[in-house]
Amino acid sequence: MTKRTKKVGVTGKYGTRAGLGQHETSNRIEVLWLDRIKRPRKLTFSSYGASLRKQVKKMEITQHAKYTCTFCGKTTVKRQATGIWDCKSCKRTVAGGAYVVATPAAAAMRSTLRRLREIAEV
């Protein structure tokens, strides 16, 4: 089976810096568009710079990636909603970060709790 469409990534979703043949005004692109009855309509699209598109691409890659489950050890944890992560193998639901399962703040909290438990045992 062959590829039918080209994967364009974030640029296809958010556009390039300036559109081709379109009128750009104050960081918005105005496009003349004809609706079904052939009446002209003016649509405005925001254009995004390269650095913002790179940030969005990085965020989307991390949120759509699969992560290792802390309970069963398999790489089957996927994001269900903002901050909700489900393991398809052991059916556990974990609260985590918006785009990553384990945030740096959560890692710091785990190490603090582990240290406090060790102090309490002694």
PDB file of N, CA and C in Angstrom:
ATOM      1  N   MET A   1       0.837  -1.170   0.000  1.00  0.00           N
ATOM      2  CA  MET A   1       0.000   0.000   0.000  1.00  0.00           C
ATOM      3  C   MET A   1       0.890   1.244   0.000  1.00  0.00           C
ATOM      4  N   THR A   2       0.582   2.191  -0.849  1.00  0.00           N
ATOM      5  CA  THR A   2       1.420   3.376  -0.956  1.00  0.00           C
ATOM      6  C   THR A   2       0.852   4.526  -0.145  1.00  0.00           C
ATOM      7  N   LYS A   3       1.726   5.481   0.123  1.00  0.00           N
ATOM      8  CA  LYS A   3       1.296   6.697   0.822  1.00  0.00           C
ATOM      9  C   LYS A   3       0.479   7.556  -0.132  1.00  0.00           C
ATOM     10  N   ARG A   4      -0.661   8.040   0.336  1.00  0.00           N
ATOM     11  CA  ARG A   4      -1.485   8.878  -0.529  1.00  0.00           C
ATOM     12  C   ARG A   4      -1.316  10.356  -0.229  1.00  0.00           C
ATOM     13  N   THR A   5      -1.053  10.688   1.018  1.00  0.00           N
ATOM     14  CA  THR A   5      -0.899  12.096   1.374  1.00  0.00           C
ATOM     15  C   THR A   5       0.420  12.297   2.093  1.00  0.00           C
ATOM     16  N   LYS A   6       0.925  13.497   1.998  1.00  0.00           N
ATOM     17  CA  LYS A   6       2.194  13.825   2.627  1.00  0.00           C
ATOM     18  C   LYS A   6       1.960  14.249   4.068  1.00  0.00           C
ATOM     19  N   LYS A   7       2.794  13.765   4.972  1.00  0.00           N
ATOM     20  CA  LYS A   7       2.707  14.188   6.365  1.00  0.00           C
ATOM     21  C   LYS A   7       3.415  15.533   6.495  1.00  0.00           C
ATOM     22  N   VAL A   8       2.672  16.554   6.862  1.00  0.00           N
ATOM     23  CA  VAL A   8       3.254  17.885   6.914  1.00  0.00           C
ATOM     24  C   VAL A   8       3.556  18.344   8.326  1.00  0.00           C
ATOM     25  N   GLY A   9       3.046  17.652   9.328  1.00  0.00           N
ATOM     26  CA  GLY A   9       3.361  17.994  10.708  1.00  0.00           C
ATOM     27  C   GLY A   9       2.714  19.279  11.171  1.00  0.00           C
ATOM     28  N   VAL A  10       3.417  20.014  12.018  1.00  0.00           N
ATOM     29  CA  VAL A  10       2.880  21.209  12.649  1.00  0.00           C
ATOM     30  C   VAL A  10       2.689  22.333  11.638  1.00  0.00           C
ATOM     31  N   THR A  11       3.534  22.397  10.613  1.00  0.00           N
ATOM     32  CA  THR A  11       3.399  23.452   9.616  1.00  0.00           C
ATOM     33  C   THR A  11       2.070  23.335   8.881  1.00  0.00           C
ATOM     34  N   GLY A  12       1.638  22.127   8.595  1.00  0.00           N
ATOM     35  CA  GLY A  12       0.355  21.943   7.935  1.00  0.00           C
ATOM     36  C   GLY A  12      -0.811  22.304   8.824  1.00  0.00           C
ATOM     37  N   LYS A  13      -0.631  22.152  10.115  1.00  0.00           N
ATOM     38  CA  LYS A  13      -1.708  22.456  11.054  1.00  0.00           C
ATOM     39  C   LYS A  13      -1.815  23.946  11.338  1.00  0.00           C
ATOM     40  N   TYR A  14      -0.690  24.611  11.523  1.00  0.00           N
ATOM     41  CA  TYR A  14      -0.691  26.013  11.924  1.00  0.00           C
ATOM     42  C   TYR A  14      -0.195  26.970  10.848  1.00  0.00           C
ATOM     43  N   GLY A  15       0.241  26.472   9.718  1.00  0.00           N
ATOM     44  CA  GLY A  15       0.662  27.339   8.631  1.00  0.00           C
ATOM     45  C   GLY A  15       2.084  27.843   8.789  1.00  0.00           C
ATOM     46  N   THR A  16       2.551  28.491   7.727  1.00  0.00           N
ATOM     47  CA  THR A  16       3.888  29.073   7.756  1.00  0.00           C
ATOM     48  C   THR A  16       3.799  30.505   8.251  1.00  0.00           C
ATOM     49  N   ARG A  17       4.925  31.185   8.247  1.00  0.00           N
ATOM     50  CA  ARG A  17       4.972  32.558   8.765  1.00  0.00           C
ATOM     51  C   ARG A  17       4.061  33.487   7.978  1.00  0.00           C
ATOM     52  N   ALA A  18       4.099  33.443   6.648  1.00  0.00           N
ATOM     53  CA  ALA A  18       3.231  34.280   5.814  1.00  0.00           C
ATOM     54  C   ALA A  18       2.666  33.423   4.699  1.00  0.00           C
ATOM     55  N   GLY A  19       1.419  33.630   4.365  1.00  0.00           N
ATOM     56  CA  GLY A  19       0.770  32.851   3.320  1.00  0.00           C
ATOM     57  C   GLY A  19       1.161  33.331   1.936  1.00  0.00           C
ATOM     58  N   LEU A  20       0.954  32.511   0.945  1.00  0.00           N
ATOM     59  CA  LEU A  20       1.298  32.863  -0.424  1.00  0.00           C
ATOM     60  C   LEU A  20       0.160  33.662  -1.039  1.00  0.00           C
ATOM     61  N   GLY A  21       0.443  34.875  -1.465  1.00  0.00           N
ATOM     62  CA  GLY A  21      -0.544  35.691  -2.139  1.00  0.00           C
ATOM     63  C   GLY A  21      -1.676  36.167  -1.246  1.00  0.00           C
ATOM     64  N   GLN A  22      -1.489  36.135   0.051  1.00  0.00           N
ATOM     65  CA  GLN A  22      -2.534  36.554   0.971  1.00  0.00           C
ATOM     66  C   GLN A  22      -2.121  37.859   1.619  1.00  0.00           C
ATOM     67  N   HIS A  23      -3.091  38.640   2.023  1.00  0.00           N
ATOM     68  CA  HIS A  23      -2.832  39.948   2.613  1.00  0.00           C
ATOM     69  C   HIS A  23      -2.621  39.784   4.113  1.00  0.00           C
ATOM     70  N   GLU A  24      -1.452  40.189   4.599  1.00  0.00           N
ATOM     71  CA  GLU A  24      -1.139  40.027   6.020  1.00  0.00           C
ATOM     72  C   GLU A  24      -1.277  41.363   6.734  1.00  0.00           C
ATOM     73  N   THR A  25      -2.073  41.377   7.808  1.00  0.00           N
ATOM     74  CA  THR A  25      -2.240  42.592   8.605  1.00  0.00           C
ATOM     75  C   THR A  25      -2.088  42.237  10.069  1.00  0.00           C
ATOM     76  N   SER A  26      -1.144  42.856  10.715  1.00  0.00           N
ATOM     77  CA  SER A  26      -0.903  42.730  12.157  1.00  0.00           C
ATOM     78  C   SER A  26      -0.994  41.295  12.662  1.00  0.00           C
ATOM     79  N   ASN A  27      -0.177  40.421  12.095  1.00  0.00           N
ATOM     80  CA  ASN A  27      -0.060  39.032  12.524  1.00  0.00           C
ATOM     81  C   ASN A  27      -1.315  38.207  12.250  1.00  0.00           C
ATOM     82  N   ARG A  28      -2.196  38.666  11.395  1.00  0.00           N
ATOM     83  CA  ARG A  28      -3.359  37.892  10.970  1.00  0.00           C
ATOM     84  C   ARG A  28      -3.364  37.846   9.442  1.00  0.00           C
ATOM     85  N   ILE A  29      -3.797  36.758   8.884  1.00  0.00           N
ATOM     86  CA  ILE A  29      -3.873  36.627   7.438  1.00  0.00           C
ATOM     87  C   ILE A  29      -5.350  36.625   7.055  1.00  0.00           C
ATOM     88  N   GLU A  30      -5.717  37.532   6.149  1.00  0.00           N
ATOM     89  CA  GLU A  30      -7.099  37.601   5.692  1.00  0.00           C
ATOM     90  C   GLU A  30      -7.193  36.904   4.341  1.00  0.00           C
ATOM     91  N   VAL A  31      -8.146  36.005   4.207  1.00  0.00           N
ATOM     92  CA  VAL A  31      -8.308  35.224   2.993  1.00  0.00           C
ATOM     93  C   VAL A  31      -9.718  35.446   2.471  1.00  0.00           C
ATOM     94  N   LEU A  32      -9.832  35.679   1.179  1.00  0.00           N
ATOM     95  CA  LEU A  32     -11.142  35.796   0.566  1.00  0.00           C
ATOM     96  C   LEU A  32     -11.587  34.396   0.173  1.00  0.00           C
ATOM     97  N   TRP A  33     -12.731  33.984   0.629  1.00  0.00           N
ATOM     98  CA  TRP A  33     -13.201  32.621   0.458  1.00  0.00           C
ATOM     99  C   TRP A  33     -14.617  32.649  -0.060  1.00  0.00           C
ATOM    100  N   LEU A  34     -14.977  31.751  -0.955  1.00  0.00           N
ATOM    101  CA  LEU A  34     -16.335  31.674  -1.481  1.00  0.00           C
ATOM    102  C   LEU A  34     -17.070  30.538  -0.793  1.00  0.00           C
ATOM    103  N   ASP A  35     -18.267  30.822  -0.270  1.00  0.00           N
ATOM    104  CA  ASP A  35     -19.037  29.764   0.371  1.00  0.00           C
ATOM    105  C   ASP A  35     -19.806  28.981  -0.686  1.00  0.00           C
ATOM    106  N   ARG A  36     -20.737  28.131  -0.262  1.00  0.00           N
ATOM    107  CA  ARG A  36     -21.448  27.265  -1.194  1.00  0.00           C
ATOM    108  C   ARG A  36     -22.278  28.039  -2.222  1.00  0.00           C
ATOM    109  N   ILE A  37     -22.747  29.208  -1.851  1.00  0.00           N
ATOM    110  CA  ILE A  37     -23.582  29.998  -2.752  1.00  0.00           C
ATOM    111  C   ILE A  37     -22.721  30.990  -3.539  1.00  0.00           C
ATOM    112  N   LYS A  38     -21.417  30.840  -3.480  1.00  0.00           N
ATOM    113  CA  LYS A  38     -20.444  31.665  -4.199  1.00  0.00           C
ATOM    114  C   LYS A  38     -20.440  33.119  -3.734  1.00  0.00           C
ATOM    115  N   ARG A  39     -20.763  33.347  -2.452  1.00  0.00           N
ATOM    116  CA  ARG A  39     -20.648  34.693  -1.889  1.00  0.00           C
ATOM    117  C   ARG A  39     -19.270  34.823  -1.251  1.00  0.00           C
ATOM    118  N   PRO A  40     -18.603  35.937  -1.464  1.00  0.00           N
ATOM    119  CA  PRO A  40     -17.279  36.090  -0.848  1.00  0.00           C
ATOM    120  C   PRO A  40     -17.385  36.274   0.662  1.00  0.00           C
ATOM    121  N   ARG A  41     -16.555  35.568   1.385  1.00  0.00           N
ATOM    122  CA  ARG A  41     -16.470  35.677   2.838  1.00  0.00           C
ATOM    123  C   ARG A  41     -15.022  35.965   3.193  1.00  0.00           C
ATOM    124  N   LYS A  42     -14.818  36.744   4.240  1.00  0.00           N
ATOM    125  CA  LYS A  42     -13.465  37.042   4.679  1.00  0.00           C
ATOM    126  C   LYS A  42     -13.169  36.216   5.927  1.00  0.00           C
ATOM    127  N   LEU A  43     -12.172  35.363   5.835  1.00  0.00           N
ATOM    128  CA  LEU A  43     -11.730  34.554   6.966  1.00  0.00           C
ATOM    129  C   LEU A  43     -10.390  35.084   7.436  1.00  0.00           C
ATOM    130  N   THR A  44     -10.139  35.008   8.727  1.00  0.00           N
ATOM    131  CA  THR A  44      -8.834  35.411   9.242  1.00  0.00           C
ATOM    132  C   THR A  44      -8.185  34.219   9.920  1.00  0.00           C
ATOM    133  N   PHE A  45      -6.924  34.011   9.629  1.00  0.00           N
ATOM    134  CA  PHE A  45      -6.149  32.936  10.229  1.00  0.00           C
ATOM    135  C   PHE A  45      -4.941  33.539  10.919  1.00  0.00           C
ATOM    136  N   SER A  46      -4.615  33.057  12.087  1.00  0.00           N
ATOM    137  CA  SER A  46      -3.406  33.515  12.761  1.00  0.00           C
ATOM    138  C   SER A  46      -2.208  32.811  12.160  1.00  0.00           C
ATOM    139  N   SER A  47      -1.138  33.531  11.990  1.00  0.00           N
ATOM    140  CA  SER A  47       0.096  32.900  11.545  1.00  0.00           C
ATOM    141  C   SER A  47       1.016  32.779  12.752  1.00  0.00           C
ATOM    142  N   TYR A  48       1.760  31.704  12.793  1.00  0.00           N
ATOM    143  CA  TYR A  48       2.641  31.442  13.920  1.00  0.00           C
ATOM    144  C   TYR A  48       4.074  31.398  13.429  1.00  0.00           C
ATOM    145  N   GLY A  49       4.991  31.838  14.264  1.00  0.00           N
ATOM    146  CA  GLY A  49       6.397  31.822  13.916  1.00  0.00           C
ATOM    147  C   GLY A  49       7.006  30.450  14.096  1.00  0.00           C
ATOM    148  N   ALA A  50       8.250  30.308  13.660  1.00  0.00           N
ATOM    149  CA  ALA A  50       8.929  29.015  13.692  1.00  0.00           C
ATOM    150  C   ALA A  50       9.158  28.529  15.115  1.00  0.00           C
ATOM    151  N   SER A  51       9.509  29.434  16.034  1.00  0.00           N
ATOM    152  CA  SER A  51       9.803  29.001  17.404  1.00  0.00           C
ATOM    153  C   SER A  51       8.547  28.485  18.098  1.00  0.00           C
ATOM    154  N   LEU A  52       7.402  29.126  17.861  1.00  0.00           N
ATOM    155  CA  LEU A  52       6.160  28.637  18.459  1.00  0.00           C
ATOM    156  C   LEU A  52       5.753  27.299  17.871  1.00  0.00           C
ATOM    157  N   ARG A  53       5.946  27.139  16.555  1.00  0.00           N
ATOM    158  CA  ARG A  53       5.607  25.859  15.934  1.00  0.00           C
ATOM    159  C   ARG A  53       6.509  24.745  16.454  1.00  0.00           C
ATOM    160  N   LYS A  54       7.788  25.048  16.728  1.00  0.00           N
ATOM    161  CA  LYS A  54       8.697  24.043  17.291  1.00  0.00           C
ATOM    162  C   LYS A  54       8.271  23.644  18.694  1.00  0.00           C
ATOM    163  N   GLN A  55       7.832  24.622  19.493  1.00  0.00           N
ATOM    164  CA  GLN A  55       7.350  24.317  20.843  1.00  0.00           C
ATOM    165  C   GLN A  55       6.111  23.430  20.794  1.00  0.00           C
ATOM    166  N   VAL A  56       5.196  23.748  19.894  1.00  0.00           N
ATOM    167  CA  VAL A  56       3.972  22.954  19.763  1.00  0.00           C
ATOM    168  C   VAL A  56       4.301  21.551  19.288  1.00  0.00           C
ATOM    169  N   LYS A  57       5.243  21.431  18.349  1.00  0.00           N
ATOM    170  CA  LYS A  57       5.639  20.117  17.847  1.00  0.00           C
ATOM    171  C   LYS A  57       6.218  19.262  18.966  1.00  0.00           C
ATOM    172  N   LYS A  58       7.089  19.845  19.788  1.00  0.00           N
ATOM    173  CA  LYS A  58       7.692  19.119  20.909  1.00  0.00           C
ATOM    174  C   LYS A  58       6.618  18.661  21.892  1.00  0.00           C
ATOM    175  N   MET A  59       5.669  19.552  22.196  1.00  0.00           N
ATOM    176  CA  MET A  59       4.593  19.238  23.123  1.00  0.00           C
ATOM    177  C   MET A  59       3.694  18.128  22.568  1.00  0.00           C
ATOM    178  N   GLU A  60       3.363  18.191  21.273  1.00  0.00           N
ATOM    179  CA  GLU A  60       2.492  17.178  20.687  1.00  0.00           C
ATOM    180  C   GLU A  60       3.178  15.823  20.605  1.00  0.00           C
ATOM    181  N   ILE A  61       4.484  15.801  20.362  1.00  0.00           N
ATOM    182  CA  ILE A  61       5.216  14.533  20.328  1.00  0.00           C
ATOM    183  C   ILE A  61       5.203  13.881  21.704  1.00  0.00           C
ATOM    184  N   THR A  62       5.438  14.677  22.759  1.00  0.00           N
ATOM    185  CA  THR A  62       5.455  14.094  24.102  1.00  0.00           C
ATOM    186  C   THR A  62       4.073  13.643  24.548  1.00  0.00           C
ATOM    187  N   GLN A  63       3.025  14.355  24.150  1.00  0.00           N
ATOM    188  CA  GLN A  63       1.698  13.964  24.621  1.00  0.00           C
ATOM    189  C   GLN A  63       1.150  12.756  23.872  1.00  0.00           C
ATOM    190  N   HIS A  64       1.604  12.513  22.629  1.00  0.00           N
ATOM    191  CA  HIS A  64       1.108  11.367  21.878  1.00  0.00           C
ATOM    192  C   HIS A  64       1.999  10.137  22.009  1.00  0.00           C
ATOM    193  N   ALA A  65       3.108  10.246  22.722  1.00  0.00           N
ATOM    194  CA  ALA A  65       4.029   9.123  22.871  1.00  0.00           C
ATOM    195  C   ALA A  65       3.480   8.105  23.869  1.00  0.00           C
ATOM    196  N   LYS A  66       4.026   6.881  23.807  1.00  0.00           N
ATOM    197  CA  LYS A  66       3.685   5.850  24.790  1.00  0.00           C
ATOM    198  C   LYS A  66       4.757   5.861  25.871  1.00  0.00           C
ATOM    199  N   TYR A  67       4.332   5.644  27.118  1.00  0.00           N
ATOM    200  CA  TYR A  67       5.238   5.684  28.258  1.00  0.00           C
ATOM    201  C   TYR A  67       5.217   4.350  28.988  1.00  0.00           C
ATOM    202  N   THR A  68       6.235   4.114  29.803  1.00  0.00           N
ATOM    203  CA  THR A  68       6.347   2.880  30.570  1.00  0.00           C
ATOM    204  C   THR A  68       5.489   2.970  31.820  1.00  0.00           C
ATOM    205  N   CYS A  69       4.720   1.914  32.073  1.00  0.00           N
ATOM    206  CA  CYS A  69       3.856   1.859  33.251  1.00  0.00           C
ATOM    207  C   CYS A  69       4.710   1.581  34.488  1.00  0.00           C
ATOM    208  N   THR A  70       4.454   2.311  35.568  1.00  0.00           N
ATOM    209  CA  THR A  70       5.216   2.106  36.804  1.00  0.00           C
ATOM    210  C   THR A  70       4.749   0.867  37.553  1.00  0.00           C
ATOM    211  N   PHE A  71       3.570   0.343  37.219  1.00  0.00           N
ATOM    212  CA  PHE A  71       3.030  -0.820  37.921  1.00  0.00           C
ATOM    213  C   PHE A  71       3.411  -2.130  37.232  1.00  0.00           C
ATOM    214  N   CYS A  72       3.197  -2.224  35.911  1.00  0.00           N
ATOM    215  CA  CYS A  72       3.467  -3.486  35.217  1.00  0.00           C
ATOM    216  C   CYS A  72       4.767  -3.462  34.409  1.00  0.00           C
ATOM    217  N   GLY A  73       5.339  -2.292  34.163  1.00  0.00           N
ATOM    218  CA  GLY A  73       6.608  -2.189  33.462  1.00  0.00           C
ATOM    219  C   GLY A  73       6.521  -2.231  31.947  1.00  0.00           C
ATOM    220  N   LYS A  74       5.320  -2.295  31.385  1.00  0.00           N
ATOM    221  CA  LYS A  74       5.165  -2.340  29.933  1.00  0.00           C
ATOM    222  C   LYS A  74       5.015  -0.926  29.369  1.00  0.00           C
ATOM    223  N   THR A  75       5.371  -0.771  28.104  1.00  0.00           N
ATOM    224  CA  THR A  75       5.267   0.537  27.451  1.00  0.00           C
ATOM    225  C   THR A  75       3.884   0.666  26.817  1.00  0.00           C
ATOM    226  N   THR A  76       2.865   0.846  27.652  1.00  0.00           N
ATOM    227  CA  THR A  76       1.490   0.897  27.159  1.00  0.00           C
ATOM    228  C   THR A  76       0.690   2.049  27.747  1.00  0.00           C
ATOM    229  N   VAL A  77       1.345   3.006  28.381  1.00  0.00           N
ATOM    230  CA  VAL A  77       0.627   4.131  28.989  1.00  0.00           C
ATOM    231  C   VAL A  77       0.411   5.212  27.936  1.00  0.00           C
ATOM    232  N   LYS A  78      -0.856   5.593  27.740  1.00  0.00           N
ATOM    233  CA  LYS A  78      -1.202   6.639  26.782  1.00  0.00           C
ATOM    234  C   LYS A  78      -2.062   7.693  27.456  1.00  0.00           C
ATOM    235  N   ARG A  79      -2.029   8.898  26.928  1.00  0.00           N
ATOM    236  CA  ARG A  79      -2.796  10.018  27.468  1.00  0.00           C
ATOM    237  C   ARG A  79      -4.255   9.900  27.044  1.00  0.00           C
ATOM    238  N   GLN A  80      -5.166   9.989  28.014  1.00  0.00           N
ATOM    239  CA  GLN A  80      -6.596   9.953  27.725  1.00  0.00           C
ATOM    240  C   GLN A  80      -7.187  11.352  27.682  1.00  0.00           C
ATOM    241  N   ALA A  81      -6.796  12.195  28.605  1.00  0.00           N
ATOM    242  CA  ALA A  81      -7.237  13.583  28.664  1.00  0.00           C
ATOM    243  C   ALA A  81      -6.124  14.362  29.347  1.00  0.00           C
ATOM    244  N   THR A  82      -6.355  15.635  29.596  1.00  0.00           N
ATOM    245  CA  THR A  82      -5.334  16.462  30.227  1.00  0.00           C
ATOM    246  C   THR A  82      -5.026  15.939  31.620  1.00  0.00           C
ATOM    247  N   GLY A  83      -3.822  15.414  31.818  1.00  0.00           N
ATOM    248  CA  GLY A  83      -3.393  14.933  33.125  1.00  0.00           C
ATOM    249  C   GLY A  83      -3.879  13.545  33.486  1.00  0.00           C
ATOM    250  N   ILE A  84      -4.596  12.846  32.600  1.00  0.00           N
ATOM    251  CA  ILE A  84      -5.101  11.496  32.876  1.00  0.00           C
ATOM    252  C   ILE A  84      -4.408  10.525  31.928  1.00  0.00           C
ATOM    253  N   TRP A  85      -3.743   9.535  32.497  1.00  0.00           N
ATOM    254  CA  TRP A  85      -2.968   8.568  31.732  1.00  0.00           C
ATOM    255  C   TRP A  85      -3.456   7.166  32.060  1.00  0.00           C
ATOM    256  N   ASP A  86      -3.686   6.332  31.030  1.00  0.00           N
ATOM    257  CA  ASP A  86      -4.192   4.971  31.203  1.00  0.00           C
ATOM    258  C   ASP A  86      -3.182   3.966  30.673  1.00  0.00           C
ATOM    259  N   CYS A  87      -3.028   2.864  31.430  1.00  0.00           N
ATOM    260  CA  CYS A  87      -2.213   1.740  30.981  1.00  0.00           C
ATOM    261  C   CYS A  87      -3.155   0.719  30.352  1.00  0.00           C
ATOM    262  N   LYS A  88      -2.895   0.344  29.103  1.00  0.00           N
ATOM    263  CA  LYS A  88      -3.758  -0.608  28.417  1.00  0.00           C
ATOM    264  C   LYS A  88      -3.508  -2.036  28.889  1.00  0.00           C
ATOM    265  N   SER A  89      -2.349  -2.301  29.476  1.00  0.00           N
ATOM    266  CA  SER A  89      -2.009  -3.645  29.912  1.00  0.00           C
ATOM    267  C   SER A  89      -2.646  -3.993  31.253  1.00  0.00           C
ATOM    268  N   CYS A  90      -2.385  -3.174  32.273  1.00  0.00           N
ATOM    269  CA  CYS A  90      -2.903  -3.491  33.610  1.00  0.00           C
ATOM    270  C   CYS A  90      -4.141  -2.679  33.972  1.00  0.00           C
ATOM    271  N   LYS A  91      -4.650  -1.879  33.034  1.00  0.00           N
ATOM    272  CA  LYS A  91      -5.894  -1.108  33.201  1.00  0.00           C
ATOM    273  C   LYS A  91      -5.847  -0.118  34.359  1.00  0.00           C
ATOM    274  N   ARG A  92      -4.679   0.373  34.697  1.00  0.00           N
ATOM    275  CA  ARG A  92      -4.570   1.372  35.770  1.00  0.00           C
ATOM    276  C   ARG A  92      -4.656   2.766  35.176  1.00  0.00           C
ATOM    277  N   THR A  93      -5.233   3.678  35.940  1.00  0.00           N
ATOM    278  CA  THR A  93      -5.318   5.081  35.554  1.00  0.00           C
ATOM    279  C   THR A  93      -4.464   5.887  36.511  1.00  0.00           C
ATOM    280  N   VAL A  94      -3.619   6.747  35.962  1.00  0.00           N
ATOM    281  CA  VAL A  94      -2.678   7.515  36.760  1.00  0.00           C
ATOM    282  C   VAL A  94      -2.879   8.996  36.457  1.00  0.00           C
ATOM    283  N   ALA A  95      -2.810   9.822  37.486  1.00  0.00           N
ATOM    284  CA  ALA A  95      -2.820  11.272  37.291  1.00  0.00           C
ATOM    285  C   ALA A  95      -1.381  11.722  37.103  1.00  0.00           C
ATOM    286  N   GLY A  96      -1.144  12.510  36.080  1.00  0.00           N
ATOM    287  CA  GLY A  96       0.205  12.984  35.798  1.00  0.00           C
ATOM    288  C   GLY A  96       0.177  14.388  35.261  1.00  0.00           C
ATOM    289  N   GLY A  97       1.180  14.715  34.485  1.00  0.00           N
ATOM    290  CA  GLY A  97       1.242  16.041  33.895  1.00  0.00           C
ATOM    291  C   GLY A  97       0.317  16.159  32.692  1.00  0.00           C
ATOM    292  N   ALA A  98       0.188  17.351  32.173  1.00  0.00           N
ATOM    293  CA  ALA A  98      -0.694  17.576  31.034  1.00  0.00           C
ATOM    294  C   ALA A  98      -0.155  16.917  29.769  1.00  0.00           C
ATOM    295  N   TYR A  99       1.161  16.960  29.567  1.00  0.00           N
ATOM    296  CA  TYR A  99       1.742  16.430  28.341  1.00  0.00           C
ATOM    297  C   TYR A  99       2.717  15.284  28.582  1.00  0.00           C
ATOM    298  N   VAL A 100       3.156  15.069  29.819  1.00  0.00           N
ATOM    299  CA  VAL A 100       4.097  14.011  30.176  1.00  0.00           C
ATOM    300  C   VAL A 100       3.560  13.316  31.416  1.00  0.00           C
ATOM    301  N   VAL A 101       3.814  12.002  31.529  1.00  0.00           N
ATOM    302  CA  VAL A 101       3.312  11.266  32.692  1.00  0.00           C
ATOM    303  C   VAL A 101       3.955  11.770  33.973  1.00  0.00           C
ATOM    304  N   ALA A 102       5.273  11.838  33.999  1.00  0.00           N
ATOM    305  CA  ALA A 102       5.985  12.246  35.210  1.00  0.00           C
ATOM    306  C   ALA A 102       6.586  13.633  35.003  1.00  0.00           C
ATOM    307  N   THR A 103       6.136  14.594  35.778  1.00  0.00           N
ATOM    308  CA  THR A 103       6.674  15.949  35.696  1.00  0.00           C
ATOM    309  C   THR A 103       7.875  16.081  36.629  1.00  0.00           C
ATOM    310  N   PRO A 104       8.732  17.069  36.424  1.00  0.00           N
ATOM    311  CA  PRO A 104       9.863  17.274  37.336  1.00  0.00           C
ATOM    312  C   PRO A 104       9.416  17.547  38.774  1.00  0.00           C
ATOM    313  N   ALA A 105       8.302  18.233  38.952  1.00  0.00           N
ATOM    314  CA  ALA A 105       7.799  18.502  40.301  1.00  0.00           C
ATOM    315  C   ALA A 105       7.362  17.212  40.985  1.00  0.00           C
ATOM    316  N   ALA A 106       6.755  16.298  40.214  1.00  0.00           N
ATOM    317  CA  ALA A 106       6.337  15.013  40.781  1.00  0.00           C
ATOM    318  C   ALA A 106       7.548  14.171  41.175  1.00  0.00           C
ATOM    319  N   ALA A 107       8.607  14.206  40.369  1.00  0.00           N
ATOM    320  CA  ALA A 107       9.825  13.467  40.700  1.00  0.00           C
ATOM    321  C   ALA A 107      10.463  14.015  41.969  1.00  0.00           C
ATOM    322  N   ALA A 108      10.476  15.334  42.128  1.00  0.00           N
ATOM    323  CA  ALA A 108      11.025  15.941  43.342  1.00  0.00           C
ATOM    324  C   ALA A 108      10.190  15.562  44.560  1.00  0.00           C
ATOM    325  N   MET A 109       8.876  15.525  44.401  1.00  0.00           N
ATOM    326  CA  MET A 109       7.994  15.156  45.511  1.00  0.00           C
ATOM    327  C   MET A 109       8.195  13.700  45.916  1.00  0.00           C
ATOM    328  N   ARG A 110       8.363  12.802  44.921  1.00  0.00           N
ATOM    329  CA  ARG A 110       8.597  11.391  45.233  1.00  0.00           C
ATOM    330  C   ARG A 110       9.888  11.205  46.013  1.00  0.00           C
ATOM    331  N   SER A 111      10.952  11.905  45.602  1.00  0.00           N
ATOM    332  CA  SER A 111      12.228  11.759  46.305  1.00  0.00           C
ATOM    333  C   SER A 111      12.140  12.341  47.715  1.00  0.00           C
ATOM    334  N   THR A 112      11.384  13.426  47.887  1.00  0.00           N
ATOM    335  CA  THR A 112      11.202  14.008  49.223  1.00  0.00           C
ATOM    336  C   THR A 112      10.441  13.052  50.126  1.00  0.00           C
ATOM    337  N   LEU A 113       9.370  12.450  49.600  1.00  0.00           N
ATOM    338  CA  LEU A 113       8.589  11.492  50.396  1.00  0.00           C
ATOM    339  C   LEU A 113       9.419  10.264  50.758  1.00  0.00           C
ATOM    340  N   ARG A 114      10.243   9.781  49.814  1.00  0.00           N
ATOM    341  CA  ARG A 114      11.096   8.627  50.091  1.00  0.00           C
ATOM    342  C   ARG A 114      12.094   8.952  51.202  1.00  0.00           C
ATOM    343  N   ARG A 115      12.678  10.161  51.131  1.00  0.00           N
ATOM    344  CA  ARG A 115      13.639  10.583  52.157  1.00  0.00           C
ATOM    345  C   ARG A 115      12.961  10.707  53.523  1.00  0.00           C
ATOM    346  N   LEU A 116      11.750  11.257  53.559  1.00  0.00           N
ATOM    347  CA  LEU A 116      11.030  11.389  54.834  1.00  0.00           C
ATOM    348  C   LEU A 116      10.649  10.034  55.418  1.00  0.00           C
ATOM    349  N   ARG A 117      10.297   9.065  54.548  1.00  0.00           N
ATOM    350  CA  ARG A 117       9.990   7.710  55.038  1.00  0.00           C
ATOM    351  C   ARG A 117      11.222   7.058  55.654  1.00  0.00           C
ATOM    352  N   GLU A 118      12.379   7.252  55.007  1.00  0.00           N
ATOM    353  CA  GLU A 118      13.617   6.680  55.542  1.00  0.00           C
ATOM    354  C   GLU A 118      13.966   7.291  56.889  1.00  0.00           C
ATOM    355  N   ILE A 119      13.725   8.581  57.058  1.00  0.00           N
ATOM    356  CA  ILE A 119      13.992   9.243  58.339  1.00  0.00           C
ATOM    357  C   ILE A 119      13.043   8.722  59.409  1.00  0.00           C
ATOM    358  N   ALA A 120      11.778   8.499  59.039  1.00  0.00           N
ATOM    359  CA  ALA A 120      10.784   8.017  60.003  1.00  0.00           C
ATOM    360  C   ALA A 120      11.077   6.587  60.445  1.00  0.00           C
ATOM    361  N   GLU A 121      11.653   5.754  59.573  1.00  0.00           N
ATOM    362  CA  GLU A 121      11.971   4.368  59.917  1.00  0.00           C
ATOM    363  C   GLU A 121      13.131   4.279  60.895  1.00  0.00           C
ATOM    364  N   VAL A 122      14.051   5.200  60.833  1.00  0.00           N
ATOM    365  CA  VAL A 122      15.249   5.162  61.683  1.00  0.00           C
ATOM    366  C   VAL A 122      14.956   5.652  63.058  1.00  0.00           C
TER     367      VAL A 122
END
